[in-house]
Amino acid sequence: MKRYIIRALKYFVYLSVILFAIITVLVAFGLVEKNIDSMFVNGKDSLWQIALIIAAFSAGYPSSGYSRRELTVLGEPSGVEAEIVRYMKGRKYDLTSRSAGTMVFRKTNSLVRTVKMCEDAISFERVLQGYILEGRTKDIVRIESGLSSLLSDTSGN
């Protein structure tokens, strides 16, 4: 639950900064007036309304933006971790921590990490059938699909 709240708060700040940047650019180019009362229909009351809308989006995003998926590994498990590390290196992820049955990877590029609000970690937790991947849904779907294909090819040979 703590991780969920932290992600929601990060997303709230992220969306607020983006909105502020857009409004600043619009004011700088003279497309809207500097006065908040004339900028928004409800004037200063619009600020808390906008904050509530951003808060609603932020509260819901972690439940859809982050998830867990299972990666089934058939056959001999020896050498699978080395294949996973090699595959993740090819996707520009570094192994940042390894403990009993768990590997955590993060993006190598600092700019990409910043854009992803430092929520770029992909964790691999060893289970009986293979691994449980946890992280951003968009990223783990790609990784799970690619690794499933790679590992099924190498176990089939």
N, C-alpha and C. Protein backbone atom coordinates (compact mmCIF):
# COMPACT_ATOMS: atom_id res chain seq x y z
N MET A 1 0.82 -1.19 0.00
CA MET A 1 0.00 0.00 0.00
C MET A 1 0.87 1.27 0.00
N LYS A 2 2.01 1.19 0.73
CA LYS A 2 2.91 2.34 0.79
C LYS A 2 3.44 2.68 -0.60
N ARG A 3 3.80 1.65 -1.36
CA ARG A 3 4.32 1.86 -2.72
C ARG A 3 3.24 2.49 -3.61
N TYR A 4 2.00 2.06 -3.42
CA TYR A 4 0.87 2.60 -4.20
C TYR A 4 0.72 4.10 -3.94
N ILE A 5 0.76 4.49 -2.67
CA ILE A 5 0.59 5.90 -2.30
C ILE A 5 1.74 6.73 -2.84
N ILE A 6 2.96 6.21 -2.75
CA ILE A 6 4.12 6.94 -3.27
C ILE A 6 3.99 7.15 -4.77
N ARG A 7 3.57 6.10 -5.48
CA ARG A 7 3.39 6.23 -6.94
C ARG A 7 2.30 7.25 -7.26
N ALA A 8 1.21 7.24 -6.52
CA ALA A 8 0.12 8.20 -6.75
C ALA A 8 0.61 9.63 -6.50
N LEU A 9 1.36 9.83 -5.44
CA LEU A 9 1.89 11.17 -5.15
C LEU A 9 2.87 11.63 -6.23
N LYS A 10 3.73 10.73 -6.67
CA LYS A 10 4.67 11.07 -7.76
C LYS A 10 3.90 11.45 -9.02
N TYR A 11 2.87 10.70 -9.33
CA TYR A 11 2.10 10.98 -10.53
C TYR A 11 1.37 12.31 -10.40
N PHE A 12 0.87 12.63 -9.20
CA PHE A 12 0.21 13.91 -8.96
C PHE A 12 1.18 15.06 -9.22
N VAL A 13 2.39 14.95 -8.66
CA VAL A 13 3.40 15.99 -8.87
C VAL A 13 3.78 16.08 -10.34
N TYR A 14 3.96 14.93 -10.98
CA TYR A 14 4.33 14.88 -12.39
C TYR A 14 3.28 15.57 -13.27
N LEU A 15 2.02 15.24 -13.08
CA LEU A 15 0.95 15.86 -13.86
C LEU A 15 0.84 17.35 -13.57
N SER A 16 1.02 17.73 -12.32
CA SER A 16 0.95 19.15 -11.95
C SER A 16 2.06 19.95 -12.62
N VAL A 17 3.26 19.39 -12.63
CA VAL A 17 4.40 20.07 -13.28
C VAL A 17 4.15 20.21 -14.78
N ILE A 18 3.64 19.16 -15.40
CA ILE A 18 3.36 19.22 -16.84
C ILE A 18 2.29 20.28 -17.13
N LEU A 19 1.23 20.32 -16.34
CA LEU A 19 0.18 21.32 -16.53
C LEU A 19 0.73 22.72 -16.33
N PHE A 20 1.53 22.92 -15.29
CA PHE A 20 2.14 24.23 -15.04
C PHE A 20 3.04 24.64 -16.21
N ALA A 21 3.81 23.69 -16.75
CA ALA A 21 4.69 23.99 -17.89
C ALA A 21 3.87 24.39 -19.12
N ILE A 22 2.78 23.69 -19.37
CA ILE A 22 1.93 24.02 -20.52
C ILE A 22 1.34 25.42 -20.36
N ILE A 23 0.83 25.71 -19.17
CA ILE A 23 0.23 27.04 -18.94
C ILE A 23 1.30 28.13 -19.06
N THR A 24 2.50 27.86 -18.56
CA THR A 24 3.59 28.83 -18.66
C THR A 24 3.95 29.12 -20.11
N VAL A 25 4.00 28.08 -20.93
CA VAL A 25 4.31 28.26 -22.35
C VAL A 25 3.19 29.06 -23.03
N LEU A 26 1.94 28.75 -22.71
CA LEU A 26 0.82 29.49 -23.30
C LEU A 26 0.87 30.97 -22.92
N VAL A 27 1.20 31.26 -21.67
CA VAL A 27 1.32 32.65 -21.23
C VAL A 27 2.51 33.32 -21.91
N ALA A 28 3.64 32.60 -22.02
CA ALA A 28 4.85 33.17 -22.62
C ALA A 28 4.63 33.55 -24.08
N PHE A 29 3.84 32.76 -24.80
CA PHE A 29 3.56 33.06 -26.21
C PHE A 29 2.36 33.99 -26.39
N GLY A 30 1.79 34.44 -25.29
CA GLY A 30 0.68 35.39 -25.36
C GLY A 30 -0.63 34.78 -25.81
N LEU A 31 -0.77 33.49 -25.72
CA LEU A 31 -2.01 32.83 -26.13
C LEU A 31 -3.09 32.92 -25.06
N VAL A 32 -2.69 33.10 -23.81
CA VAL A 32 -3.64 33.33 -22.72
C VAL A 32 -3.10 34.47 -21.86
N GLU A 33 -3.99 35.10 -21.12
CA GLU A 33 -3.58 36.21 -20.25
C GLU A 33 -2.92 35.68 -18.99
N LYS A 34 -2.11 36.53 -18.34
CA LYS A 34 -1.44 36.15 -17.11
C LYS A 34 -2.39 36.07 -15.92
N ASN A 35 -3.49 36.74 -15.98
CA ASN A 35 -4.45 36.81 -14.89
C ASN A 35 -5.22 35.48 -14.78
N ILE A 36 -5.16 34.85 -13.60
CA ILE A 36 -5.83 33.56 -13.40
C ILE A 36 -7.34 33.70 -13.55
N ASP A 37 -7.89 34.82 -13.10
CA ASP A 37 -9.35 35.00 -13.19
C ASP A 37 -9.84 35.03 -14.63
N SER A 38 -9.02 35.53 -15.54
CA SER A 38 -9.43 35.54 -16.95
C SER A 38 -8.93 34.31 -17.70
N MET A 39 -7.96 33.61 -17.13
CA MET A 39 -7.40 32.42 -17.77
C MET A 39 -8.38 31.24 -17.72
N PHE A 40 -9.06 31.09 -16.60
CA PHE A 40 -9.99 29.98 -16.40
C PHE A 40 -11.41 30.51 -16.23
N VAL A 41 -12.38 29.71 -16.61
CA VAL A 41 -13.78 30.11 -16.55
C VAL A 41 -14.19 30.47 -15.12
N ASN A 42 -13.82 29.66 -14.15
CA ASN A 42 -14.20 29.91 -12.76
C ASN A 42 -13.11 30.64 -11.97
N GLY A 43 -12.15 31.19 -12.65
CA GLY A 43 -11.10 31.96 -12.00
C GLY A 43 -10.28 31.11 -11.05
N LYS A 44 -10.04 31.66 -9.84
CA LYS A 44 -9.21 30.96 -8.87
C LYS A 44 -9.87 29.68 -8.34
N ASP A 45 -11.18 29.59 -8.41
CA ASP A 45 -11.87 28.35 -8.00
C ASP A 45 -11.48 27.18 -8.91
N SER A 46 -11.05 27.48 -10.11
CA SER A 46 -10.64 26.43 -11.04
C SER A 46 -9.40 25.69 -10.56
N LEU A 47 -8.55 26.36 -9.78
CA LEU A 47 -7.31 25.74 -9.33
C LEU A 47 -7.57 24.51 -8.46
N TRP A 48 -8.47 24.60 -7.50
CA TRP A 48 -8.74 23.43 -6.66
C TRP A 48 -9.51 22.37 -7.45
N GLN A 49 -10.33 22.80 -8.42
CA GLN A 49 -11.04 21.84 -9.26
C GLN A 49 -10.05 21.05 -10.13
N ILE A 50 -9.07 21.75 -10.68
CA ILE A 50 -8.04 21.10 -11.48
C ILE A 50 -7.22 20.16 -10.59
N ALA A 51 -6.90 20.61 -9.38
CA ALA A 51 -6.14 19.76 -8.44
C ALA A 51 -6.93 18.49 -8.10
N LEU A 52 -8.23 18.60 -7.94
CA LEU A 52 -9.06 17.42 -7.66
C LEU A 52 -9.07 16.45 -8.84
N ILE A 53 -9.15 16.98 -10.04
CA ILE A 53 -9.14 16.12 -11.23
C ILE A 53 -7.79 15.40 -11.34
N ILE A 54 -6.70 16.14 -11.13
CA ILE A 54 -5.37 15.52 -11.17
C ILE A 54 -5.24 14.48 -10.07
N ALA A 55 -5.77 14.76 -8.88
CA ALA A 55 -5.72 13.81 -7.77
C ALA A 55 -6.49 12.54 -8.11
N ALA A 56 -7.63 12.67 -8.77
CA ALA A 56 -8.42 11.49 -9.15
C ALA A 56 -7.67 10.62 -10.14
N PHE A 57 -7.07 11.24 -11.14
CA PHE A 57 -6.26 10.48 -12.10
C PHE A 57 -5.07 9.83 -11.40
N SER A 58 -4.43 10.59 -10.52
CA SER A 58 -3.25 10.08 -9.81
C SER A 58 -3.60 8.91 -8.91
N ALA A 59 -4.75 8.95 -8.28
CA ALA A 59 -5.15 7.87 -7.38
C ALA A 59 -5.44 6.58 -8.13
N GLY A 60 -5.93 6.69 -9.34
CA GLY A 60 -6.26 5.50 -10.12
C GLY A 60 -5.13 4.93 -10.94
N TYR A 61 -4.16 5.74 -11.27
CA TYR A 61 -3.11 5.30 -12.18
C TYR A 61 -2.28 4.11 -11.68
N PRO A 62 -1.83 4.09 -10.44
CA PRO A 62 -0.99 2.96 -10.02
C PRO A 62 -1.68 1.60 -10.15
N SER A 63 -3.00 1.55 -10.03
CA SER A 63 -3.68 0.26 -10.15
C SER A 63 -3.69 -0.26 -11.58
N SER A 64 -3.65 0.63 -12.56
CA SER A 64 -3.64 0.18 -13.95
C SER A 64 -2.25 0.28 -14.58
N GLY A 65 -1.43 1.14 -14.07
CA GLY A 65 -0.11 1.36 -14.67
C GLY A 65 0.97 0.40 -14.21
N TYR A 66 0.73 -0.28 -13.09
CA TYR A 66 1.71 -1.20 -12.53
C TYR A 66 1.03 -2.53 -12.23
N SER A 67 1.73 -3.62 -12.50
CA SER A 67 1.11 -4.92 -12.27
C SER A 67 2.16 -6.00 -12.11
N ARG A 68 1.67 -7.23 -11.98
CA ARG A 68 2.51 -8.42 -11.86
C ARG A 68 2.08 -9.40 -12.94
N ARG A 69 3.05 -10.06 -13.54
CA ARG A 69 2.78 -11.09 -14.54
C ARG A 69 3.68 -12.28 -14.29
N GLU A 70 3.18 -13.44 -14.69
CA GLU A 70 3.96 -14.66 -14.51
C GLU A 70 4.67 -15.03 -15.79
N LEU A 71 5.95 -15.36 -15.65
CA LEU A 71 6.76 -15.85 -16.75
C LEU A 71 7.03 -17.32 -16.47
N THR A 72 6.44 -18.19 -17.26
CA THR A 72 6.62 -19.62 -17.07
C THR A 72 7.88 -20.07 -17.78
N VAL A 73 8.72 -20.80 -17.05
CA VAL A 73 9.97 -21.31 -17.60
C VAL A 73 9.87 -22.83 -17.63
N LEU A 74 9.86 -23.38 -18.84
CA LEU A 74 9.79 -24.83 -19.00
C LEU A 74 11.20 -25.40 -19.10
N GLY A 75 11.34 -26.62 -18.66
CA GLY A 75 12.63 -27.30 -18.80
C GLY A 75 13.58 -26.98 -17.68
N GLU A 76 14.85 -27.18 -17.95
CA GLU A 76 15.92 -27.02 -16.96
C GLU A 76 16.11 -25.55 -16.58
N PRO A 77 16.00 -25.22 -15.28
CA PRO A 77 16.13 -23.83 -14.86
C PRO A 77 17.57 -23.30 -14.83
N SER A 78 18.56 -24.19 -14.92
CA SER A 78 19.95 -23.71 -14.89
C SER A 78 20.24 -22.88 -16.13
N GLY A 79 20.89 -21.79 -15.93
CA GLY A 79 21.25 -20.91 -17.04
C GLY A 79 20.16 -19.92 -17.42
N VAL A 80 18.97 -20.07 -16.83
CA VAL A 80 17.87 -19.16 -17.17
C VAL A 80 18.18 -17.76 -16.66
N GLU A 81 18.73 -17.66 -15.45
CA GLU A 81 19.06 -16.34 -14.91
C GLU A 81 20.06 -15.61 -15.79
N ALA A 82 21.04 -16.33 -16.31
CA ALA A 82 22.03 -15.72 -17.20
C ALA A 82 21.36 -15.22 -18.48
N GLU A 83 20.41 -15.99 -19.00
CA GLU A 83 19.67 -15.57 -20.20
C GLU A 83 18.84 -14.32 -19.91
N ILE A 84 18.21 -14.29 -18.74
CA ILE A 84 17.40 -13.13 -18.36
C ILE A 84 18.28 -11.89 -18.25
N VAL A 85 19.43 -12.01 -17.59
CA VAL A 85 20.35 -10.87 -17.44
C VAL A 85 20.83 -10.40 -18.81
N ARG A 86 21.16 -11.32 -19.70
CA ARG A 86 21.62 -10.96 -21.04
C ARG A 86 20.50 -10.26 -21.82
N TYR A 87 19.29 -10.79 -21.74
CA TYR A 87 18.14 -10.19 -22.43
C TYR A 87 17.87 -8.78 -21.91
N MET A 88 17.89 -8.62 -20.59
CA MET A 88 17.61 -7.31 -20.00
C MET A 88 18.71 -6.30 -20.35
N LYS A 89 19.95 -6.75 -20.43
CA LYS A 89 21.04 -5.86 -20.86
C LYS A 89 20.79 -5.37 -22.29
N GLY A 90 20.28 -6.26 -23.14
CA GLY A 90 19.94 -5.89 -24.51
C GLY A 90 18.80 -4.89 -24.58
N ARG A 91 17.93 -4.88 -23.56
CA ARG A 91 16.82 -3.92 -23.47
C ARG A 91 17.21 -2.67 -22.69
N LYS A 92 18.54 -2.54 -22.40
CA LYS A 92 19.10 -1.38 -21.70
C LYS A 92 18.64 -1.30 -20.24
N TYR A 93 18.65 -2.44 -19.58
CA TYR A 93 18.40 -2.52 -18.14
C TYR A 93 19.65 -3.07 -17.48
N ASP A 94 19.98 -2.55 -16.29
CA ASP A 94 21.09 -3.06 -15.50
C ASP A 94 20.54 -3.82 -14.30
N LEU A 95 21.22 -4.88 -13.91
CA LEU A 95 20.88 -5.61 -12.70
C LEU A 95 21.36 -4.77 -11.52
N THR A 96 20.42 -4.26 -10.73
CA THR A 96 20.80 -3.39 -9.61
C THR A 96 20.85 -4.11 -8.29
N SER A 97 20.07 -5.18 -8.14
CA SER A 97 20.15 -5.95 -6.90
C SER A 97 19.74 -7.39 -7.17
N ARG A 98 20.36 -8.24 -6.39
CA ARG A 98 20.06 -9.67 -6.48
C ARG A 98 20.07 -10.22 -5.07
N SER A 99 18.97 -10.85 -4.69
CA SER A 99 18.91 -11.50 -3.39
C SER A 99 18.35 -12.90 -3.62
N ALA A 100 18.09 -13.61 -2.57
CA ALA A 100 17.62 -14.99 -2.68
C ALA A 100 16.34 -15.06 -3.51
N GLY A 101 16.47 -15.47 -4.76
CA GLY A 101 15.31 -15.67 -5.63
C GLY A 101 14.73 -14.43 -6.26
N THR A 102 15.36 -13.26 -6.09
CA THR A 102 14.82 -12.02 -6.65
C THR A 102 15.93 -11.24 -7.34
N MET A 103 15.60 -10.75 -8.54
CA MET A 103 16.50 -9.87 -9.28
C MET A 103 15.73 -8.59 -9.60
N VAL A 104 16.39 -7.45 -9.48
CA VAL A 104 15.77 -6.16 -9.79
C VAL A 104 16.62 -5.46 -10.84
N PHE A 105 15.96 -5.02 -11.90
CA PHE A 105 16.62 -4.33 -13.00
C PHE A 105 16.09 -2.91 -13.09
N ARG A 106 16.97 -1.97 -13.47
CA ARG A 106 16.58 -0.58 -13.72
C ARG A 106 17.17 -0.13 -15.04
N LYS A 107 16.53 0.86 -15.66
CA LYS A 107 17.01 1.41 -16.92
C LYS A 107 18.40 2.01 -16.74
N THR A 108 19.23 1.91 -17.77
CA THR A 108 20.58 2.45 -17.70
C THR A 108 20.61 3.95 -17.97
N ASN A 109 19.68 4.46 -18.76
CA ASN A 109 19.65 5.86 -19.15
C ASN A 109 18.97 6.71 -18.08
N SER A 110 19.70 7.71 -17.57
CA SER A 110 19.16 8.57 -16.50
C SER A 110 17.97 9.40 -16.97
N LEU A 111 17.98 9.85 -18.21
CA LEU A 111 16.87 10.64 -18.73
C LEU A 111 15.59 9.80 -18.78
N VAL A 112 15.71 8.57 -19.26
CA VAL A 112 14.55 7.67 -19.31
C VAL A 112 14.03 7.40 -17.90
N ARG A 113 14.94 7.21 -16.95
CA ARG A 113 14.54 6.98 -15.56
C ARG A 113 13.79 8.18 -15.01
N THR A 114 14.26 9.38 -15.34
CA THR A 114 13.61 10.60 -14.85
C THR A 114 12.22 10.74 -15.45
N VAL A 115 12.10 10.51 -16.74
CA VAL A 115 10.79 10.61 -17.40
C VAL A 115 9.80 9.60 -16.80
N LYS A 116 10.31 8.46 -16.39
CA LYS A 116 9.46 7.43 -15.78
C LYS A 116 9.34 7.61 -14.27
N MET A 117 9.69 8.78 -13.77
CA MET A 117 9.57 9.14 -12.36
C MET A 117 10.33 8.18 -11.44
N CYS A 118 11.43 7.63 -11.91
CA CYS A 118 12.24 6.65 -11.18
C CYS A 118 11.43 5.42 -10.77
N GLU A 119 10.37 5.15 -11.50
CA GLU A 119 9.54 3.97 -11.28
C GLU A 119 9.76 2.99 -12.43
N ASP A 120 11.03 2.78 -12.77
CA ASP A 120 11.37 1.94 -13.91
C ASP A 120 11.85 0.55 -13.51
N ALA A 121 11.79 0.24 -12.23
CA ALA A 121 12.31 -1.05 -11.75
C ALA A 121 11.44 -2.20 -12.24
N ILE A 122 12.09 -3.25 -12.70
CA ILE A 122 11.43 -4.50 -13.06
C ILE A 122 12.02 -5.57 -12.15
N SER A 123 11.16 -6.21 -11.37
CA SER A 123 11.67 -7.25 -10.47
C SER A 123 11.24 -8.63 -10.97
N PHE A 124 12.14 -9.57 -10.81
CA PHE A 124 11.92 -10.98 -11.16
C PHE A 124 11.99 -11.77 -9.86
N GLU A 125 10.87 -12.31 -9.44
CA GLU A 125 10.83 -13.13 -8.22
C GLU A 125 10.69 -14.59 -8.62
N ARG A 126 11.62 -15.41 -8.17
CA ARG A 126 11.64 -16.83 -8.53
C ARG A 126 10.49 -17.56 -7.83
N VAL A 127 9.68 -18.27 -8.61
CA VAL A 127 8.62 -19.13 -8.09
C VAL A 127 8.80 -20.50 -8.72
N LEU A 128 7.98 -21.44 -8.31
CA LEU A 128 8.14 -22.82 -8.75
C LEU A 128 8.07 -22.97 -10.28
N GLN A 129 7.13 -22.30 -10.94
CA GLN A 129 6.93 -22.44 -12.38
C GLN A 129 7.83 -21.53 -13.21
N GLY A 130 8.49 -20.58 -12.58
CA GLY A 130 9.31 -19.64 -13.33
C GLY A 130 9.59 -18.39 -12.53
N TYR A 131 9.05 -17.25 -12.99
CA TYR A 131 9.27 -15.97 -12.33
C TYR A 131 7.99 -15.16 -12.32
N ILE A 132 7.86 -14.31 -11.30
CA ILE A 132 6.81 -13.30 -11.27
C ILE A 132 7.51 -11.97 -11.57
N LEU A 133 7.06 -11.30 -12.62
CA LEU A 133 7.61 -10.00 -13.00
C LEU A 133 6.71 -8.93 -12.40
N GLU A 134 7.32 -7.91 -11.84
CA GLU A 134 6.55 -6.80 -11.29
C GLU A 134 7.16 -5.49 -11.75
N GLY A 135 6.30 -4.55 -12.16
CA GLY A 135 6.77 -3.24 -12.61
C GLY A 135 5.69 -2.55 -13.41
N ARG A 136 6.12 -1.59 -14.24
CA ARG A 136 5.17 -0.88 -15.10
C ARG A 136 4.55 -1.87 -16.08
N THR A 137 3.25 -1.88 -16.17
CA THR A 137 2.53 -2.85 -17.00
C THR A 137 3.03 -2.86 -18.43
N LYS A 138 3.20 -1.69 -19.00
CA LYS A 138 3.65 -1.58 -20.39
C LYS A 138 5.01 -2.25 -20.60
N ASP A 139 5.90 -2.06 -19.64
CA ASP A 139 7.25 -2.62 -19.76
C ASP A 139 7.26 -4.13 -19.53
N ILE A 140 6.55 -4.60 -18.49
CA ILE A 140 6.63 -6.03 -18.19
C ILE A 140 5.90 -6.89 -19.21
N VAL A 141 4.90 -6.33 -19.88
CA VAL A 141 4.23 -7.09 -20.94
C VAL A 141 5.22 -7.35 -22.08
N ARG A 142 5.96 -6.32 -22.47
CA ARG A 142 6.97 -6.48 -23.53
C ARG A 142 8.06 -7.46 -23.12
N ILE A 143 8.54 -7.30 -21.89
CA ILE A 143 9.63 -8.15 -21.41
C ILE A 143 9.16 -9.60 -21.27
N GLU A 144 7.99 -9.80 -20.72
CA GLU A 144 7.45 -11.16 -20.55
C GLU A 144 7.26 -11.83 -21.90
N SER A 145 6.77 -11.09 -22.86
CA SER A 145 6.56 -11.65 -24.20
C SER A 145 7.89 -12.02 -24.85
N GLY A 146 8.85 -11.12 -24.79
CA GLY A 146 10.16 -11.38 -25.38
C GLY A 146 10.89 -12.53 -24.72
N LEU A 147 10.85 -12.56 -23.39
CA LEU A 147 11.52 -13.64 -22.66
C LEU A 147 10.83 -14.98 -22.88
N SER A 148 9.51 -14.98 -22.95
CA SER A 148 8.78 -16.23 -23.22
C SER A 148 9.22 -16.82 -24.55
N SER A 149 9.32 -15.97 -25.55
CA SER A 149 9.76 -16.41 -26.86
C SER A 149 11.20 -16.89 -26.83
N LEU A 150 12.07 -16.12 -26.20
CA LEU A 150 13.49 -16.47 -26.13
C LEU A 150 13.70 -17.77 -25.36
N LEU A 151 13.07 -17.89 -24.21
CA LEU A 151 13.28 -19.07 -23.37
C LEU A 151 12.63 -20.33 -23.97
N SER A 152 11.53 -20.16 -24.69
CA SER A 152 10.92 -21.33 -25.33
C SER A 152 11.79 -21.81 -26.52
N ASP A 153 12.45 -20.85 -27.19
CA ASP A 153 13.35 -21.20 -28.28
C ASP A 153 14.58 -21.94 -27.76
N THR A 154 15.15 -21.44 -26.65
CA THR A 154 16.37 -22.06 -26.12
C THR A 154 16.09 -23.39 -25.43
N SER A 155 14.89 -23.56 -24.84
CA SER A 155 14.58 -24.84 -24.20
C SER A 155 14.17 -25.88 -25.22
N GLY A 156 13.69 -25.41 -26.37
CA GLY A 156 13.25 -26.34 -27.42
C GLY A 156 14.38 -26.90 -28.23
N ASN A 157 15.58 -26.27 -28.19
CA ASN A 157 16.73 -26.73 -28.98
C ASN A 157 17.46 -27.85 -28.31
